[in-house]
N, C-alpha and C. Protein backbone atom coordinates (compact mmCIF):
# COMPACT_ATOMS: atom_id res chain seq x y z
N UNK A 1 42.39 -5.43 10.21
CA UNK A 1 42.38 -6.46 10.86
C UNK A 1 42.51 -7.75 10.18
N UNK A 2 43.85 -8.16 10.99
CA UNK A 2 44.32 -9.66 10.45
C UNK A 2 43.27 -10.37 10.44
N UNK A 3 43.10 -11.64 9.69
CA UNK A 3 42.72 -12.47 9.61
C UNK A 3 42.91 -13.51 10.63
N UNK A 4 42.09 -14.07 11.30
CA UNK A 4 42.52 -14.89 12.51
C UNK A 4 42.40 -16.42 12.06
N UNK A 5 43.06 -17.33 11.87
CA UNK A 5 42.34 -18.76 12.19
C UNK A 5 41.82 -19.21 13.14
N UNK A 6 40.63 -20.26 13.16
CA UNK A 6 39.49 -20.23 14.05
C UNK A 6 39.05 -18.95 14.37
N UNK A 7 38.82 -17.71 13.94
CA UNK A 7 38.32 -16.56 14.46
C UNK A 7 36.57 -17.39 14.39
N UNK A 8 36.03 -16.59 15.26
CA UNK A 8 34.55 -16.77 15.61
C UNK A 8 33.62 -15.71 15.22
N UNK A 9 34.03 -14.54 15.22
CA UNK A 9 33.45 -13.24 14.93
C UNK A 9 33.64 -13.22 12.97
N UNK A 10 32.94 -12.98 12.61
CA UNK A 10 33.51 -12.47 11.08
C UNK A 10 32.63 -11.04 10.91
N UNK A 11 33.66 -10.15 10.39
CA UNK A 11 32.85 -8.64 10.29
C UNK A 11 33.18 -8.34 8.95
N UNK A 12 31.99 -8.15 8.42
CA UNK A 12 31.69 -8.09 7.02
C UNK A 12 31.75 -6.63 6.71
N UNK A 13 32.61 -5.73 5.63
CA UNK A 13 32.67 -4.75 5.68
C UNK A 13 33.20 -4.49 4.57
N UNK A 14 33.36 -3.05 4.17
CA UNK A 14 33.77 -2.19 3.28
C UNK A 14 35.40 -1.42 3.20
N UNK A 15 36.19 -1.59 2.61
CA UNK A 15 37.91 -0.51 3.17
C UNK A 15 37.35 0.75 3.63
N UNK A 16 37.01 1.29 2.71
CA UNK A 16 36.18 2.83 2.90
C UNK A 16 35.10 3.40 4.33
N UNK A 17 34.53 1.99 4.63
CA UNK A 17 32.90 2.77 5.69
C UNK A 17 33.71 2.97 6.84
N UNK A 18 33.49 4.17 6.86
CA UNK A 18 33.63 4.38 8.53
C UNK A 18 32.54 3.74 9.58
N UNK A 19 31.77 3.23 9.41
CA UNK A 19 30.65 2.56 10.38
C UNK A 19 31.37 0.96 10.43
N UNK A 20 32.33 0.50 9.34
CA UNK A 20 33.33 -0.71 9.42
C UNK A 20 33.95 -0.58 10.58
N UNK A 21 34.69 0.79 10.26
CA UNK A 21 35.76 0.94 11.10
C UNK A 21 35.34 0.82 12.66
N UNK A 22 34.64 1.82 12.83
CA UNK A 22 33.87 1.87 14.13
C UNK A 22 33.36 0.63 14.83
N UNK A 23 32.54 -0.03 14.04
CA UNK A 23 31.94 -1.43 14.65
C UNK A 23 33.33 -2.14 15.10
N UNK A 24 34.63 -1.94 14.37
CA UNK A 24 35.29 -2.67 14.43
C UNK A 24 36.56 -2.90 15.46
N UNK A 25 36.40 -1.27 15.74
CA UNK A 25 37.22 -0.63 16.81
C UNK A 25 36.21 -0.98 18.09
N UNK A 26 35.29 -1.05 18.26
CA UNK A 26 34.15 -1.62 19.48
C UNK A 26 34.18 -2.81 19.84
N UNK A 27 34.28 -3.36 18.83
CA UNK A 27 34.57 -5.16 19.13
C UNK A 27 35.54 -5.61 19.55
N UNK A 28 36.70 -4.91 19.20
CA UNK A 28 38.36 -5.51 18.87
C UNK A 28 38.51 -5.89 20.92
N UNK A 29 38.15 -4.88 22.18
CA UNK A 29 38.34 -5.23 22.92
C UNK A 29 37.60 -6.24 23.49
N UNK A 30 36.06 -6.54 23.16
CA UNK A 30 35.61 -7.54 23.56
C UNK A 30 35.57 -9.01 23.02
N UNK A 31 36.14 -9.29 21.86
CA UNK A 31 36.76 -9.98 21.24
C UNK A 31 38.34 -10.75 22.14
N UNK A 32 38.67 -9.47 22.43
CA UNK A 32 39.92 -10.00 22.96
C UNK A 32 39.95 -10.64 24.33
N UNK A 33 38.60 -10.17 25.27
CA UNK A 33 38.33 -10.56 26.74
C UNK A 33 38.19 -12.06 26.56
N UNK A 34 37.38 -12.07 25.36
CA UNK A 34 36.45 -13.69 25.18
C UNK A 34 38.03 -14.60 24.77
N UNK A 35 38.89 -13.97 23.93
CA UNK A 35 40.15 -15.03 23.38
C UNK A 35 39.53 -15.43 22.29
N UNK A 36 39.02 -14.22 21.37
CA UNK A 36 38.43 -14.69 20.33
C UNK A 36 38.99 -13.84 18.84
N UNK A 37 39.29 -14.68 18.00
CA UNK A 37 39.34 -13.44 16.89
C UNK A 37 38.24 -12.97 15.87
N UNK A 38 38.70 -11.88 15.27
CA UNK A 38 37.73 -11.11 14.32
C UNK A 38 38.56 -11.73 12.70
N UNK A 39 37.63 -12.23 11.97
CA UNK A 39 38.17 -11.97 10.98
C UNK A 39 37.19 -10.77 10.05
N UNK A 40 37.94 -10.23 9.35
CA UNK A 40 37.42 -9.06 8.57
C UNK A 40 37.27 -9.23 7.35
N UNK A 41 36.40 -9.30 6.56
CA UNK A 41 36.06 -9.70 5.03
C UNK A 41 34.99 -8.35 4.56
N UNK A 42 36.35 -8.10 3.38
CA UNK A 42 35.82 -6.62 2.43
C UNK A 42 34.96 -7.65 1.21
N UNK A 43 33.73 -6.89 2.00
CA UNK A 43 32.59 -7.53 0.65
C UNK A 43 32.99 -6.74 -0.84
N UNK A 44 33.64 -6.20 -1.12
CA UNK A 44 34.01 -5.60 -2.53
C UNK A 44 34.88 -6.42 -3.26
N UNK A 45 35.49 -7.34 -2.34
CA UNK A 45 36.41 -8.49 -3.27
C UNK A 45 35.64 -9.96 -3.35
N UNK A 46 34.21 -9.90 -3.27
CA UNK A 46 33.22 -10.97 -3.77
C UNK A 46 32.03 -10.55 -4.08
N UNK A 47 32.02 -10.85 -5.18
CA UNK A 47 30.57 -10.25 -6.38
C UNK A 47 28.95 -10.71 -5.26
N UNK A 48 29.12 -12.12 -4.67
CA UNK A 48 28.40 -12.66 -4.04
C UNK A 48 28.12 -11.78 -2.98
N UNK A 49 29.13 -11.63 -1.97
CA UNK A 49 28.98 -11.10 -0.89
C UNK A 49 28.57 -9.79 -0.85
N UNK A 50 29.03 -8.87 -2.11
CA UNK A 50 28.58 -7.94 -1.88
C UNK A 50 27.12 -7.62 -2.54
N UNK A 51 26.47 -8.28 -3.23
CA UNK A 51 25.06 -8.64 -3.32
C UNK A 51 24.52 -9.06 -2.54
N UNK A 52 24.86 -9.56 -1.40
CA UNK A 52 24.44 -10.07 -0.08
C UNK A 52 24.09 -9.03 0.46
N UNK A 53 25.38 -8.38 0.82
CA UNK A 53 25.37 -7.17 2.10
C UNK A 53 25.01 -6.11 1.56
N UNK A 54 25.70 -5.33 0.48
CA UNK A 54 25.99 -4.12 -0.06
C UNK A 54 25.55 -3.25 0.74
N UNK A 55 24.37 -2.60 1.00
CA UNK A 55 24.46 -1.61 1.71
C UNK A 55 24.26 -1.58 3.20
N UNK A 56 23.84 -2.89 3.87
CA UNK A 56 23.76 -3.43 5.25
C UNK A 56 25.08 -3.08 6.23
N UNK A 57 26.42 -3.10 5.14
CA UNK A 57 27.60 -3.35 6.33
C UNK A 57 27.71 -2.23 7.63
N UNK A 58 27.98 -2.18 7.88
CA UNK A 58 29.04 -3.25 8.44
C UNK A 58 27.98 -4.38 9.16
N UNK A 59 28.15 -5.89 8.91
CA UNK A 59 27.67 -6.72 9.22
C UNK A 59 28.23 -7.66 10.09
N UNK A 60 27.80 -8.04 11.52
CA UNK A 60 28.95 -9.03 12.13
C UNK A 60 28.06 -10.20 12.53
N UNK A 61 28.66 -11.41 12.63
CA UNK A 61 28.33 -12.93 12.57
C UNK A 61 29.22 -13.40 13.89
N UNK A 62 28.47 -14.34 15.15
CA UNK A 62 29.06 -14.97 15.62
C UNK A 62 28.62 -16.66 15.33
N UNK A 63 30.00 -17.25 14.99
CA UNK A 63 29.66 -18.80 14.49
C UNK A 63 28.36 -19.05 14.06
N UNK A 64 28.33 -17.82 12.77
CA UNK A 64 27.64 -18.00 11.39
C UNK A 64 26.35 -17.34 11.54
N UNK A 65 26.30 -17.23 12.68
CA UNK A 65 24.84 -16.30 13.33
C UNK A 65 24.99 -14.81 13.06
N UNK A 66 24.09 -14.02 12.67
CA UNK A 66 24.29 -12.75 12.59
C UNK A 66 23.91 -11.77 13.24
N UNK A 67 24.68 -11.05 14.04
CA UNK A 67 24.75 -10.60 15.50
C UNK A 67 23.54 -9.41 15.35
N UNK A 68 24.64 -8.16 13.82
CA UNK A 68 23.90 -6.93 14.11
C UNK A 68 24.72 -6.21 12.69
N UNK A 69 23.96 -5.07 12.42
CA UNK A 69 24.23 -4.13 11.26
C UNK A 69 24.40 -2.89 11.52
N UNK A 70 25.42 -2.34 10.87
CA UNK A 70 25.46 -0.72 11.03
C UNK A 70 26.33 -0.32 12.14
N UNK A 71 25.75 -1.07 13.25
CA UNK A 71 26.51 -0.26 14.61
C UNK A 71 26.35 -1.36 15.48
N UNK A 72 27.51 -2.17 16.37
CA UNK A 72 27.78 -2.53 17.16
C UNK A 72 26.36 -3.05 18.10
N UNK A 73 25.75 -3.96 18.03
CA UNK A 73 24.78 -4.05 19.16
C UNK A 73 25.42 -5.23 20.07
N UNK A 74 26.04 -3.95 21.36
CA UNK A 74 26.72 -4.80 22.49
C UNK A 74 26.15 -5.87 23.45
N UNK A 75 24.42 -5.93 23.47
CA UNK A 75 23.97 -6.69 24.01
C UNK A 75 23.71 -7.73 23.01
N UNK A 76 23.49 -7.71 22.14
CA UNK A 76 23.18 -9.00 21.22
C UNK A 76 24.98 -9.85 21.18
N UNK A 77 25.89 -8.96 21.44
CA UNK A 77 26.87 -9.96 21.43
C UNK A 77 27.48 -10.27 22.52
N UNK A 78 27.00 -9.80 23.72
CA UNK A 78 27.30 -10.11 24.67
C UNK A 78 26.31 -11.42 25.32
N UNK A 79 24.93 -11.47 24.54
CA UNK A 79 23.83 -12.47 24.88
C UNK A 79 24.92 -13.69 23.81
N UNK A 80 25.01 -13.71 22.90
CA UNK A 80 25.49 -14.74 21.93
C UNK A 80 26.74 -14.96 22.52
N UNK A 81 27.28 -14.62 23.12
CA UNK A 81 28.60 -15.05 23.77
C UNK A 81 28.42 -15.78 25.30
N UNK A 82 27.60 -15.21 25.81
CA UNK A 82 27.04 -16.18 26.85
C UNK A 82 26.17 -17.48 26.18
N UNK A 83 25.57 -17.38 25.37
CA UNK A 83 24.95 -18.72 24.85
C UNK A 83 25.84 -19.54 24.64
N UNK A 84 27.18 -19.53 24.25
CA UNK A 84 27.93 -20.60 23.60
C UNK A 84 28.59 -20.76 24.68
N UNK A 85 28.60 -20.62 26.26
CA UNK A 85 29.20 -21.04 26.97
C UNK A 85 30.63 -20.88 27.33
N UNK A 86 31.14 -21.45 28.17
CA UNK A 86 32.66 -21.33 28.46
C UNK A 86 33.72 -21.29 27.27
């Protein structure tokens, strides 16, 4: 995933994590429908993030609010998108 300037979704994960790839693949069409980018952050490149998230990845945030970990919670994502308004 490319880093998108102004991205609202941030997906914390690891390059070798199949759950991270699964979450990203399921999130992409939702993000596209809402005109939002996804910023992918590999926690292994930052010791602070690695310590924070370690075994919890993938972790998805929207506007800095954690929405889900391990698997995409579509309901939580849609609720957060609805709460942001148009």
